[in-house]
Structures are given as C-alpha cells and as structure tokens.
Protein backbone atom coordinates (compact mmCIF):
# COMPACT_ATOMS: atom_id res chain seq x y z
CA CYS A 1 -16.63 -20.90 -18.88
CA MET A 2 -16.28 -21.26 -22.65
CA CYS A 3 -12.79 -22.79 -22.60
CA GLU A 4 -11.75 -26.21 -23.81
CA PHE A 5 -10.28 -27.08 -20.40
CA CYS A 6 -13.74 -26.61 -18.85
CA GLY A 7 -15.00 -29.51 -20.95
CA VAL A 8 -17.00 -27.31 -23.32
CA GLU A 9 -17.38 -28.89 -26.74
CA GLY A 10 -15.74 -26.58 -29.25
CA GLY A 11 -14.48 -24.38 -26.40
CA ARG A 12 -11.63 -21.95 -26.92
CA LYS A 13 -8.15 -23.40 -26.69
CA SER A 14 -5.40 -21.80 -24.61
CA GLN A 15 -4.23 -18.62 -26.37
CA VAL A 16 -1.67 -15.87 -25.93
CA ALA A 17 -1.98 -12.74 -28.09
CA GLY A 18 -4.64 -14.48 -30.18
CA LYS A 19 -2.48 -17.51 -31.01
CA VAL A 20 -3.06 -21.03 -29.74
CA VAL A 21 -0.41 -22.25 -27.28
CA GLU A 22 0.27 -25.51 -25.48
CA PRO A 23 -0.07 -24.76 -21.74
CA TYR A 24 1.55 -28.00 -20.57
CA PRO A 25 5.26 -28.69 -21.07
CA ASP A 26 6.32 -31.62 -23.19
CA PRO A 27 6.91 -34.58 -20.81
CA ASN A 28 10.18 -35.26 -22.64
CA ASP A 29 11.53 -31.74 -22.01
CA PRO A 30 13.82 -30.92 -19.06
CA LYS A 31 11.91 -30.25 -15.86
CA PRO A 32 12.52 -27.59 -13.18
CA TYR A 33 13.58 -28.49 -9.66
CA PRO A 34 10.34 -29.31 -7.77
CA PRO A 35 9.33 -27.75 -4.42
CA LYS A 36 11.68 -28.86 -1.66
CA ASP A 37 9.12 -28.80 1.16
CA ASP A 38 5.41 -28.60 1.91
CA LEU A 39 5.25 -24.96 2.98
CA HIS A 40 2.88 -24.09 0.13
CA VAL A 41 0.16 -26.43 1.45
CA ARG A 42 0.33 -25.31 5.09
CA ASN A 43 -2.15 -22.70 6.38
CA ASP A 44 0.41 -21.17 8.75
CA THR A 45 3.18 -20.57 6.20
CA LYS A 46 4.37 -16.97 6.57
CA ILE A 47 3.69 -14.69 3.58
CA HIS A 48 5.57 -11.41 3.71
CA MET A 49 4.08 -8.53 1.68
CA LEU A 50 6.52 -5.81 0.63
CA LEU A 51 5.16 -2.43 -0.38
CA SER A 52 6.62 1.05 -0.77
CA ALA A 53 4.36 4.08 -0.54
CA PHE A 54 5.21 7.53 -1.85
CA ARG A 55 3.02 10.11 -0.10
CA ASP A 56 0.06 7.76 -0.45
CA PRO A 57 -2.56 7.18 2.29
CA ARG A 58 -3.96 4.23 0.30
CA CYS A 59 -1.14 2.15 1.76
CA GLY A 60 -3.28 1.77 4.89
CA GLN A 61 -6.19 0.46 2.82
CA THR A 62 -3.87 -1.94 0.98
CA ILE A 63 -2.69 -3.40 4.29
CA ALA A 64 -6.30 -3.75 5.44
CA ASN A 65 -7.21 -5.46 2.17
CA ALA A 66 -4.32 -7.91 2.62
CA TYR A 67 -5.76 -9.09 5.93
CA LEU A 68 -9.46 -8.82 5.14
CA ARG A 69 -9.30 -10.62 1.78
CA SER A 70 -7.06 -13.50 2.91
CA LYS A 71 -8.43 -16.85 4.07
CA TYR A 72 -5.74 -17.17 6.74
CA PRO A 73 -4.87 -13.59 7.75
CA GLU A 74 -2.70 -14.71 10.65
CA ARG A 75 -0.02 -15.81 8.19
CA ILE A 76 0.27 -12.40 6.49
CA TYR A 77 3.23 -10.17 7.41
CA VAL A 78 3.84 -6.69 6.02
CA GLY A 79 6.92 -4.53 5.47
CA ILE A 80 6.24 -0.91 4.51
CA VAL A 81 8.59 1.75 3.16
CA GLN A 82 6.74 5.02 3.75
CA GLN A 83 7.98 8.16 2.04
CA ASN A 84 6.13 11.20 3.43
CA LEU A 85 6.72 14.93 3.74
CA LYS A 86 6.59 15.71 7.43
CA ASP A 87 4.81 19.08 7.16
CA LYS A 88 2.39 18.22 4.33
CA ASP A 89 1.39 14.57 4.68
CA GLU A 90 -0.71 14.43 7.82
CA PHE A 91 -1.22 10.67 7.75
CA ASP A 92 0.64 7.46 8.41
CA CYS A 93 0.15 4.02 6.82
CA ILE A 94 -0.25 2.40 10.23
CA SER A 95 -2.76 5.01 11.47
CA VAL A 96 -4.91 4.68 8.35
CA PHE A 97 -4.82 0.89 8.60
CA CYS A 98 -5.88 0.93 12.25
CA ALA A 99 -8.73 3.38 11.60
CA LEU A 100 -10.01 1.24 8.74
CA MET A 101 -9.85 -1.95 10.81
CA LYS A 102 -11.74 -0.22 13.62
CA LYS A 103 -14.50 0.54 11.12
CA GLN A 104 -14.54 -3.17 10.32
CA GLY A 105 -15.43 -3.96 13.94
CA HIS A 106 -12.06 -4.41 15.66
CA ALA A 107 -11.93 -2.89 19.13
CA ALA A 108 -8.13 -2.87 18.99
CA CYS A 109 -5.87 -2.58 15.99
CA PRO A 110 -5.07 -6.18 14.92
CA TYR A 111 -1.94 -7.73 13.43
CA LEU A 112 0.40 -4.95 14.54
CA ASN A 113 2.97 -7.52 15.62
CA HIS A 114 3.03 -8.65 11.97
CA ILE A 115 3.82 -5.21 10.57
CA GLU A 116 7.11 -3.33 10.22
CA ILE A 117 7.63 0.10 8.74
CA ILE A 118 10.57 2.23 7.67
CA ARG A 119 9.59 5.89 7.52
CA THR A 120 11.71 8.08 5.24
CA ASP A 121 11.62 11.72 4.16
CA ALA A 122 10.00 11.99 0.72
CA LYS A 123 12.45 14.77 -0.13
CA GLU A 124 15.22 12.18 0.04
CA SER A 125 13.42 9.65 -2.16
CA LYS A 126 15.41 8.40 -5.15
CA GLY A 127 12.86 6.36 -7.04
CA PRO A 128 10.95 3.07 -6.87
CA ILE A 129 13.94 0.68 -7.04
CA TRP A 130 15.68 2.59 -4.26
CA ALA A 131 12.56 2.32 -2.08
CA ARG A 132 11.99 -1.37 -2.77
CA ALA A 133 15.61 -2.11 -1.91
CA ILE A 134 15.04 -0.58 1.52
CA GLY A 135 11.99 -2.80 2.01
CA ALA A 136 14.07 -5.95 1.64
CA GLU A 137 15.59 -5.18 5.03
CA MET A 138 12.28 -6.25 6.58
CA VAL A 139 12.38 -9.75 5.05
CA ARG A 140 13.09 -11.89 8.09
CA PRO A 141 14.63 -15.39 8.16
CA GLU A 142 11.28 -16.83 9.26
CA HIS A 143 9.41 -15.37 6.26
CA GLN A 144 8.80 -18.13 3.74
CA PHE A 145 6.94 -16.63 0.77
CA CYS A 146 7.34 -13.01 -0.35
CA MET A 147 4.94 -10.87 -2.36
CA GLN A 148 5.80 -7.46 -3.80
CA VAL A 149 2.89 -5.16 -4.66
CA ASP A 150 2.22 -1.46 -5.06
CA ALA A 151 0.79 0.62 -2.22
CA HIS A 152 -2.70 0.96 -3.72
CA VAL A 153 -4.04 -2.51 -4.50
CA ASP A 154 -6.84 -4.87 -3.55
CA PHE A 155 -7.04 -8.64 -3.74
CA MET A 156 -9.35 -11.42 -4.79
CA GLU A 157 -11.14 -13.17 -1.93
CA ASP A 158 -8.89 -15.88 -0.43
CA TYR A 159 -5.99 -14.69 -2.58
CA ASP A 160 -3.46 -16.33 -0.27
CA VAL A 161 -4.74 -19.81 -1.11
CA ALA A 162 -4.96 -18.95 -4.83
CA LEU A 163 -1.33 -17.81 -4.85
CA MET A 164 -0.13 -20.98 -3.17
CA LYS A 165 -2.05 -23.10 -5.66
CA MET A 166 -0.68 -21.23 -8.66
CA TRP A 167 2.86 -21.42 -7.33
CA ALA A 168 2.46 -25.18 -6.82
CA MET A 169 1.20 -25.50 -10.40
CA THR A 170 4.61 -24.34 -11.67
CA GLU A 171 6.18 -27.38 -9.95
CA ASN A 172 9.27 -25.20 -9.60
CA GLU A 173 11.09 -24.35 -6.35
CA TYR A 174 12.47 -21.32 -8.19
CA GLY A 175 9.18 -20.27 -9.74
CA VAL A 176 8.11 -16.60 -9.58
CA LEU A 177 4.53 -15.54 -10.34
CA SER A 178 4.37 -12.11 -11.94
CA THR A 179 2.44 -10.04 -14.48
CA TYR A 180 0.68 -6.71 -14.82
CA VAL A 181 -2.35 -6.29 -12.57
CA GLY A 182 -5.97 -5.54 -13.29
CA ASN A 183 -7.95 -2.37 -12.63
CA ILE A 184 -9.83 -2.10 -9.33
CA LYS A 185 -12.45 0.15 -10.89
CA GLN A 186 -13.69 -2.39 -13.44
CA ASP A 187 -12.13 -5.79 -12.69
CA LEU A 188 -12.98 -6.51 -9.02
CA SER A 189 -16.23 -6.35 -7.09
CA ARG A 190 -16.49 -4.96 -3.58
CA THR A 191 -16.93 -8.51 -2.39
CA GLY A 192 -13.52 -9.45 -3.76
CA HIS A 193 -14.89 -11.38 -6.73
CA VAL A 194 -13.19 -11.21 -10.13
CA LEU A 195 -15.28 -9.54 -12.84
CA ILE A 196 -12.79 -9.41 -15.70
CA GLY A 197 -12.16 -11.77 -18.60
CA HIS A 198 -15.26 -13.97 -18.61
CA PRO A 199 -16.15 -16.37 -20.11
CA TYR A 200 -12.57 -16.98 -21.34
CA TYR A 201 -10.57 -16.26 -18.16
CA GLU A 202 -8.47 -13.49 -19.66
CA ILE A 203 -5.22 -12.46 -17.95
CA PRO A 204 -2.65 -9.75 -18.88
CA PHE A 205 0.41 -11.30 -20.53
CA ILE A 206 3.60 -9.33 -21.25
CA CYS A 207 4.84 -10.32 -24.70
CA LYS A 208 7.16 -7.55 -25.88
CA THR A 209 9.78 -5.10 -24.69
CA ILE A 210 10.67 -1.65 -25.98
CA ILE A 211 13.58 0.75 -25.56
CA GLY A 212 12.70 3.13 -22.76
CA GLY A 213 14.32 6.14 -21.13
CA HIS A 214 18.13 6.26 -21.03
CA GLY A 215 18.19 3.54 -23.72
CA VAL A 216 17.27 0.73 -21.34
CA VAL A 217 14.82 -2.14 -21.86
CA ARG A 218 11.32 -1.80 -20.47
CA ASN A 219 8.25 -4.00 -20.70
CA SER A 220 5.75 -3.06 -23.37
CA GLN A 221 2.00 -2.92 -22.86
CA ALA A 222 0.53 -6.30 -22.03
CA THR A 223 -1.52 -8.34 -24.43
CA GLY A 224 -4.13 -10.88 -23.34
CA ALA A 225 -3.98 -14.60 -22.62
CA HIS A 226 -7.15 -16.68 -22.59
CA CYS A 227 -8.22 -20.07 -21.29
CA LEU A 228 -4.98 -20.95 -19.51
CA PRO A 229 -5.46 -23.92 -17.15
CA ARG A 230 -2.18 -23.19 -15.33
CA PRO A 231 0.56 -20.51 -15.10
CA LEU A 232 2.64 -20.16 -18.26
CA LEU A 233 6.39 -19.55 -18.57
CA SER A 234 7.26 -15.92 -19.37
CA TYR A 235 10.28 -13.72 -20.04
CA ALA A 236 8.95 -10.62 -18.27
CA TRP A 237 8.85 -9.77 -14.57
CA ALA A 238 6.47 -7.03 -13.33
CA ALA A 239 7.24 -4.90 -10.27
CA GLY A 240 3.57 -4.39 -9.37
CA TRP A 241 2.94 -8.05 -8.56
CA SER A 242 5.56 -10.67 -7.75
CA PHE A 243 5.17 -13.81 -5.63
CA ALA A 244 7.84 -16.41 -4.85
CA LYS A 245 9.71 -18.16 -2.08
CA CYS A 246 11.56 -15.53 -0.02
CA HIS A 247 14.93 -16.94 -1.06
CA PHE A 248 14.21 -15.11 -4.34
CA GLU A 249 14.35 -11.78 -2.49
CA ARG A 250 17.53 -12.87 -0.69
CA ASN A 251 19.33 -14.04 -3.83
CA VAL A 252 18.12 -11.29 -6.17
CA PRO A 253 17.62 -8.19 -3.97
CA ASN A 254 16.71 -4.86 -5.54
CA ASP A 255 19.77 -2.73 -6.28
CA PRO A 256 19.65 0.39 -4.06
CA PHE A 257 22.17 2.12 -6.33
CA LEU A 258 19.73 2.29 -9.27
CA GLU A 259 18.70 5.76 -8.15
CA GLY A 260 16.28 7.74 -10.26
CA MET A 261 15.52 4.86 -12.64
CA PHE A 262 11.98 3.86 -13.53
CA ASP A 263 12.44 2.26 -16.94
CA GLY A 264 14.82 -0.65 -16.60
CA GLU A 265 13.62 -1.74 -13.17
CA GLU A 266 11.66 -4.73 -14.40
CA PHE A 267 14.00 -5.95 -17.14
CA SER A 268 17.16 -5.68 -15.03
CA ARG A 269 15.60 -7.78 -12.30
CA MET A 270 14.22 -10.25 -14.83
CA LEU A 271 17.69 -10.77 -16.30
CA ARG A 272 19.22 -11.18 -12.86
CA LEU A 273 16.61 -13.62 -11.53
CA TRP A 274 16.73 -15.75 -14.69
CA THR A 275 20.52 -16.06 -14.59
CA HIS A 276 20.20 -17.02 -10.91
CA GLY A 277 18.00 -19.96 -11.93
CA TYR A 278 14.58 -18.46 -11.24
CA ASP A 279 11.74 -18.63 -13.76
CA VAL A 280 8.83 -16.21 -14.17
CA TYR A 281 5.36 -17.55 -14.85
CA THR A 282 2.34 -15.49 -15.86
CA PRO A 283 -0.47 -16.48 -13.46
CA HIS A 284 -3.51 -18.04 -15.12
CA ARG A 285 -5.93 -15.99 -13.00
CA PRO A 286 -5.88 -12.36 -11.82
CA VAL A 287 -5.45 -12.06 -8.06
CA VAL A 288 -4.13 -8.51 -7.45
CA PHE A 289 -5.87 -5.33 -8.65
CA HIS A 290 -4.46 -1.81 -8.88
CA ASP A 291 -6.06 1.57 -8.31
CA TYR A 292 -5.16 3.39 -11.53
CA VAL A 293 -7.22 6.52 -10.79
CA HIS A 294 -5.20 9.74 -10.83
CA HIS A 295 -5.97 13.42 -10.29
CA ARG A 296 -8.03 13.03 -7.15
CA SER A 297 -7.80 16.25 -5.15
CA TRP A 298 -5.43 14.83 -2.54
CA GLN A 299 -3.15 13.39 -5.25
CA GLU A 300 -2.37 16.77 -6.77
CA GLY A 301 1.20 17.77 -5.92
CA ARG A 302 1.95 14.35 -4.43
CA GLU A 303 2.16 11.80 -7.25
CA SER A 304 5.47 11.41 -9.10
CA THR A 305 7.16 14.21 -7.18
CA TRP A 306 10.18 12.10 -6.23
CA ASN A 307 13.49 13.29 -7.59
CA GLY A 308 13.80 11.72 -11.05
CA ASN A 309 17.27 13.15 -11.54
CA PRO A 310 19.23 12.48 -8.34
CA PRO A 311 23.02 12.87 -8.23
CA GLY A 312 23.40 9.08 -8.40
CA LEU A 313 21.59 8.70 -11.75
CA PRO A 314 24.74 8.63 -13.95
CA TYR A 315 26.20 5.89 -11.74
CA ALA A 316 22.85 4.04 -11.86
CA LYS A 317 23.03 4.00 -15.66
CA GLU A 318 26.59 2.71 -15.50
CA ARG A 319 25.39 -0.12 -13.27
CA TYR A 320 22.52 -1.02 -15.59
CA PHE A 321 24.73 -1.09 -18.69
CA SER A 322 27.36 -3.09 -16.81
CA LEU A 323 24.68 -5.62 -15.90
CA VAL A 324 23.53 -6.09 -19.52
CA ASP A 325 27.12 -6.03 -20.82
CA LYS A 326 26.50 -3.18 -23.26
CA GLU A 327 29.46 -2.59 -25.54
CA GLY A 328 31.34 0.69 -25.31
CA THR A 329 30.18 1.57 -21.81
CA LYS A 330 32.12 1.84 -18.57
CA LYS A 331 31.89 -1.34 -16.49
CA VAL A 332 31.53 -1.20 -12.71
CA SER A 333 31.48 -3.90 -10.05
CA LEU A 334 27.93 -4.94 -9.13
CA GLY A 335 28.62 -7.35 -6.25
CA VAL A 336 25.47 -9.15 -5.08
CA TYR A 337 23.40 -7.10 -7.52
CA GLY A 338 24.95 -8.68 -10.60
CA LEU A 339 24.03 -11.64 -12.78
CA GLY A 340 23.77 -15.15 -11.41
CA LYS A 341 25.91 -18.13 -12.36
CA GLN A 342 23.18 -20.64 -13.19
CA ARG A 343 22.47 -19.32 -16.70
CA THR A 344 24.18 -16.86 -19.04
CA ILE A 345 23.14 -13.65 -20.75
CA ASP A 346 23.51 -15.40 -24.13
CA GLN A 347 21.16 -18.16 -22.98
CA PHE A 348 18.63 -15.47 -22.02
CA LYS A 349 18.87 -13.95 -25.50
CA GLU A 350 18.15 -17.34 -27.05
CA PHE A 351 15.38 -18.11 -24.55
CA SER A 352 13.53 -14.81 -24.85
CA GLY A 353 14.38 -13.24 -28.19
CA ILE A 354 15.51 -10.09 -26.35
CA ASP A 355 19.10 -8.88 -26.68
CA PRO A 356 20.11 -7.27 -23.36
CA ARG A 357 23.31 -5.81 -24.83
CA THR A 358 21.50 -3.81 -27.53
CA SER A 359 18.12 -3.41 -25.75
CA LYS A 360 16.40 -4.78 -28.87
CA TYR A 361 13.37 -7.03 -29.02
CA LEU A 362 14.24 -9.40 -31.85
CA GLY A 363 10.67 -10.19 -32.88
CA LEU A 364 11.04 -13.97 -32.74
CA ASP A 365 7.44 -14.55 -31.60
CA LYS A 366 8.37 -16.69 -28.59
CA CYS A 367 5.65 -15.40 -26.29
CA GLY A 368 3.64 -18.28 -24.86
CA LYS A 369 5.96 -20.84 -26.49
CA LEU A 370 8.95 -20.71 -24.16
CA LYS A 371 10.93 -23.77 -23.19
CA TYR A 372 12.38 -24.26 -19.71
CA VAL A 373 16.19 -23.90 -19.73
CA PRO A 374 17.87 -26.37 -17.33
CA PHE A 375 20.86 -25.48 -15.15
CA GLU A 376 23.08 -26.97 -12.47
CA GLU A 377 21.46 -26.21 -9.14
CA ASP A 378 23.25 -24.53 -6.25
CA THR A 379 21.35 -25.99 -3.29
CA GLU A 380 22.74 -23.32 -0.96
CA LYS A 381 20.51 -20.71 -2.62
CA VAL A 382 17.45 -21.83 -0.68
CA LYS A 383 19.34 -21.27 2.60
CA VAL A 384 21.01 -17.96 1.79
CA GLU A 385 20.62 -14.97 4.13
CA MET A 386 19.64 -11.49 3.02
CA PRO A 387 22.84 -9.62 2.13
CA PRO A 388 23.50 -6.61 4.37
CA TYR A 389 22.25 -3.27 3.10
CA PRO A 390 25.37 -1.71 1.54
CA ILE A 391 24.95 1.85 2.82
CA THR A 392 23.38 3.60 5.79
CA LEU A 393 19.71 2.66 5.91
CA PRO A 394 17.66 5.85 5.46
CA GLY A 395 14.73 6.74 7.68
CA LYS A 396 13.53 5.25 10.93
CA HIS A 397 12.60 1.60 11.38
CA SER A 398 9.77 0.59 13.71
CA PHE A 399 7.82 -2.49 14.73
CA ALA A 400 4.20 -1.37 14.68
CA HIS A 401 3.20 -3.09 17.94
CA LEU A 402 6.07 -1.44 19.86
CA GLU A 403 5.08 2.16 19.18
CA GLU A 404 2.15 4.47 19.74
CA ILE A 405 -0.16 4.73 16.75
CA PRO A 406 0.86 8.02 15.09
CA PRO A 407 -1.70 10.86 14.96
CA MET A 408 -3.28 11.79 11.65
CA ASP A 409 -5.97 13.90 9.99
CA PRO A 410 -9.06 11.60 9.75
CA VAL A 411 -9.86 12.85 6.25
CA TYR A 412 -7.08 10.61 4.92
CA VAL A 413 -9.05 7.53 5.98
CA LYS A 414 -11.77 8.65 3.58
CA TYR A 415 -9.18 9.28 0.86
CA ALA A 416 -7.71 5.82 1.35
CA HIS A 417 -11.11 4.17 1.14
CA GLU A 418 -11.93 5.87 -2.16
CA MET A 419 -10.32 3.01 -4.05
CA ILE A 420 -12.78 0.57 -2.45
CA ASP A 421 -15.65 2.95 -3.20
CA SER A 422 -14.66 2.81 -6.88
CA GLU A 423 -15.14 -0.97 -7.03
CA LYS A 424 -18.35 -2.20 -8.64
CA THR A 425 -21.22 -3.63 -6.62
CA ILE A 426 -22.20 -6.17 -9.29
CA GLU A 427 -21.31 -9.86 -9.22
CA PRO A 428 -19.32 -11.63 -11.97
CA GLN A 429 -20.72 -13.38 -15.03
CA ILE A 430 -19.13 -16.59 -13.76
CA PRO A 431 -20.06 -16.87 -10.04
CA HIS A 432 -17.16 -16.81 -7.61
CA LYS A 433 -17.77 -20.39 -6.43
CA THR A 434 -17.68 -21.59 -10.02
CA GLN A 435 -14.45 -19.65 -10.62
CA VAL A 436 -12.91 -21.42 -7.64
CA ALA A 437 -14.04 -24.79 -8.96
CA GLU A 438 -12.62 -24.01 -12.42
CA PHE A 439 -9.36 -22.64 -11.01
CA GLY A 440 -7.79 -26.06 -11.25
CA GLU A 441 -5.69 -28.15 -8.89
CA PRO A 442 -1.91 -28.59 -8.85
CA PRO A 443 -0.59 -32.10 -9.51
CA ASN A 444 -1.19 -34.43 -6.57
CA LYS A 445 2.50 -34.90 -5.87
CA VAL A 446 2.85 -31.19 -5.01
CA TRP A 447 -0.63 -30.59 -3.60
CA GLY A 448 -3.17 -33.29 -2.72
CA ASP A 449 -0.68 -35.89 -1.53
CA MET A 450 1.21 -33.27 0.48
CA ILE A 451 -1.98 -32.01 2.13
CA THR A 452 -2.86 -35.57 3.15
CA LYS A 453 0.58 -36.05 4.71
CA VAL A 454 0.45 -32.72 6.55
CA LYS A 455 -3.01 -33.47 7.96
CA ALA A 456 -1.87 -36.92 9.07
CA GLY A 457 1.21 -35.45 10.72
CA ASN A 458 -0.83 -32.76 12.46
CA LYS A 459 -3.31 -35.34 13.74
CA LYS A 460 -0.52 -37.50 15.08
CA ALA A 461 1.11 -34.49 16.78
CA LYS A 462 -2.31 -33.19 17.92
CA ILE A 463 -1.76 -29.88 16.13
CA LYS A 464 -4.91 -27.88 15.47
CA PRO A 465 -5.27 -26.36 11.97
CA ALA A 466 -4.83 -22.63 11.53
CA SER A 467 -7.98 -20.61 12.06
CA LYS A 468 -9.09 -17.02 11.91
CA SER A 469 -9.19 -16.82 15.73
CA PHE A 470 -5.58 -15.71 16.04
CA TYR A 471 -5.79 -12.69 18.34
CA PRO A 472 -7.27 -12.95 21.81
CA TYR A 473 -9.18 -9.70 21.39
CA ALA A 474 -10.75 -10.81 18.09
CA ALA A 475 -12.49 -14.11 18.70
CA GLU A 476 -13.75 -13.99 15.15
CA LEU A 477 -12.53 -11.82 12.31
CA PRO A 478 -15.45 -9.60 11.28
CA ALA A 479 -16.67 -10.02 7.74
CA TYR A 480 -15.39 -7.42 5.28
CA ASN A 481 -17.93 -4.62 5.46
CA THR A 482 -18.18 -3.28 1.94
CA MET A 483 -20.71 -0.62 2.84
CA GLU A 484 -19.75 3.03 2.99
CA LEU A 485 -17.59 4.17 5.89
CA VAL A 486 -19.49 5.47 8.88
C-alpha cells in the first residue's frame, strides 16, 4: 500500500478524479442516524441477493459464487427473476447452480431452501426495471440486508463480511453502498482475491451524469478514486451493485411501470431514495465483479433481445418526467413509486449539482466533496412492509426446495463456468491477507463494542456462533475448486 492512511511517509492522500478529498466528515457537521441494531455484526444476519437474468445461464454460476465466496454461506438468500424462451433456452438457473455445486463436491444440491425463483417468458420481458420490480416480491419480512447484482458476477472472498464492515463504516442506518463494478477478466483472481488498483486501492467512482435516451438523466462513465480509508458519500446509485438494509427495498421499490427504459433507471431511483432519507456511499474497496465479455457463441441472439419499445413505454416516460417534475410534461400519479418526504428535489439539486427537472449536470465539481443533508426521521420506515405488487405478477413463482430440479442441456453448465475460466490465476500485488488488514475497521461504537456485546450475550444464552456446517448432508463446505470442470 502506498497510501497515506497505510502510514507510508509521503503516501498518496485520498483522491477522487485526481483531486485530494477529505474522507472523514467534519465532526461539527450534521450526522446521519446511526444503525438501530447490531444485525451488521451478527454472522447469522440474513442477506437477500436479488438478481434478474435474461436468457443467461451464468445466473447459476452467480448463485454458486454467492455461496462459495461467502464466509457464512448459511446467511445468504437468493431471489431470481428468470426470463427464458421455453423452446430455445434449454437451461434453468437452479439446474445450473445444482450442477456446479455437485462439481464442487456436494452430494445433494445445497441451500435450495434459501432460494426462490420467478420464471417468466422472455417474450413478455419489458426491460431491466420491470424485471427487478418483480424480484422485490421475494424480499421476505425476515430478510435483513438486501443486495442487488446482475446475473453474471463473482465476488471477493468473504465478501459478506466486507459488505457488513463497509456498511458499518457509513454509520448510517439509511446508508446504501453502490458503485460500478470491476471486470472479472482482469480484476479478480480465481481464488477470489482482488487484483485491481494496487498499490493505491483504486475504486470506480461515478462523478458525472449525462442526458441519455428519451432525454432522461443517466450516469456517465466512472472515474477513479484512490486511497479511500472508508466509503465516501456519493450522488449516484448503480443498478449493478447495491447493498443496504432491506427496508430500502421496501420503501423505494423499483417501479414496474417503467417499461422499456434502460437510461433513467439509476438516476430515478437515486432521486427517490435520497428524498426518502437514504444516502449512497461509494465503497472504498471493490467487492463485486462483472463478466463484461460479449459475443460468446451462446450469447448470439440472446443478449439485449428484450422488447425495448413495449406498449407501455410512453406511459413510462410520463412517469419518469412526473417524478423529476419536468416542466411542460403531463403529470401522472406515482403512488409508492414517487419521491419521499424527507428531502426535496430542490435540496437534491443543491446537494448534487444535478438539475432533475432539466436533466442537466451543472458542473459544480462536487464529486467527493459532498455534505450530508439532515432531515426529520420517520421511524416507521424501518418497520415498513413491502407494498403489494400493483398488477398481476407475471410468470410462475417457486421455492427451489419444493420442486424437482428442472432438466437442462449440460452444455450450459460449461457456458456458465466460462466466466470463472476467464479469471486470472495470478495473485495480487498486495497479498489478500494484507488487503484484509488494510481494509480498516468501523468505529468501535458500531463494530468492536457491538461484537463484544453480542458474544457476551451469546455466551450467556449458550448460543453457538454460526458455522459453515449448516446442512446435515454437508458436514463441511468443500473449498472452492478453481480447477477446470470435470
């Protein structure tokens, strides 16, 4: 590490887009509402992973990665929205997952009672926001943290602990970790060790917006942040990686009526979550990595074949422009998919330097220098239930452990594993153990002190700590076999 926070004399200071920033808030500034419980320090806290897959067998590998890369896999739950063509896609996310886990040494398919799936007809698909909105129906009351990712990602080793630590570092009950994700092919080793950004711990940081399709706001290409000792406040939410308490998903659910929209997904949700009192932080370390490879043989005729111009697109644009209060446009009622009451659209403009009404980035150079905006808390938000899905839920919902594993063509297991095959076999410049040591610790009041109290309470109640021996037919979870499939 060549950063100042590592104790290196003359080391690089914290930077965003090449400019020095102060990573710690001024102690005299208003502070966010701190975590209300100790769920983030408990090994059995339920993390629900939401993913939507469009004709993509890699969803099975992503689910496998989620369990194999986590330190405490028994706390991982998964909700899948699968969009396949019945006669052309001879695979199923669950089948691919089970086949991959069998190759890892499991006699029976593990964790099925932690997995739900809604299978829809790809011909009826109406875009990514539409699909993600369906997935929210699988967020259960008992789910405590929620993570949204794409259907073709891998994770850093022990990512579940890293996410909890980073969330605790925000010291914000309403904190949301989100940014663009790295590239599997060059940024992650097959052992789950981070290769990218050394010796300055670089992380993608979204600093600008542009006007995208239909005149809506979309995130611009990310710049780089270096030598951050903790997550940093941001004004951009990214759909490919989002992690927060599940009350975020319940208070700011994806709008299923934004059919056919791609641009505008991230900004519209950013504006909604911020006005609801949530704050986005760019993580200080990469944890999730995306398979960006296209044009593999099996991908031809599958990728991006969803209907980008469904009948509901004009109404979707009306909803977006109603949300951002664009002048001269028809306004429609948004219900639970509208702005929150904790902050205003004008406050967001001042906070971010982005004008939602005109879609313009005002060039005020606020990236990395944002100040937390206080609000009057509605304490009921942490208890809210998921609002009912407003229309007939498409597709068929299943609990994976209550159904037969669907048949599939075995070749799709090989296709799914290609993204792991593309990962490098080298080890990082900064060894993984050193990276963990230099990751940093949250403040004691939200981490160390809480862990001590939880351990003391468990000892008094004679509660054993969570372990990897969760399933009776898997006394020990086999190590992640990174060799070629057999």
